């Protein structure tokens, strides 16, 4: 059992036979009385997100979660094909497991697979990922009154807004949490 005050972003706990991953954590203390801990948590099996509230002294069951580095290979009708980076064993997981991050996946990308009792329950990407720009429009001269941006299509088909100076063929960094351009890759 762990205290709810230890639940930080990325922590996993078990409640009523279901596994939850903490997305955000907030501790609220008002005047007299005990404080409250509010967490936004994602159900690792169904993918639903809910807000849960606990009193400060509450405890939850710690989940025995294994993390494994795997490489994304490809996707087909049977699911998503991954390869274990240590044993080079290839296996398939359901496409629903990566539904919320599928637009950021590219072949050969390393991801973290979360396992509970040898059952895959979630896939996590790096927070910042480099992509090659495959197509972008030109910029009109004098179109820079504000923070001017244009659309760029990346190697995996994702479209993001980038500054006007980004050209086709360049490497850029994208935040996988928000889907926004961060900077040029060096």
Foldseek 3Di string as FASTA:
>chain_A
DAFPVPQAAQFWFDDPNWIKGFHHWDWADDDDDFIKIWTWIATLAPRDIDIDIDTRGDDTGGAPKDKFKWFFADADPVATWIAGPPPRDIDGDHNVQCVLQVLVDDHGFIWIFIDGPNHTRHIGHDQKDKWAFADWDADDPPPPPDQDWTWTQTPSRDIETDGRVDDHGFIWMAGSVVRYTDGGDD
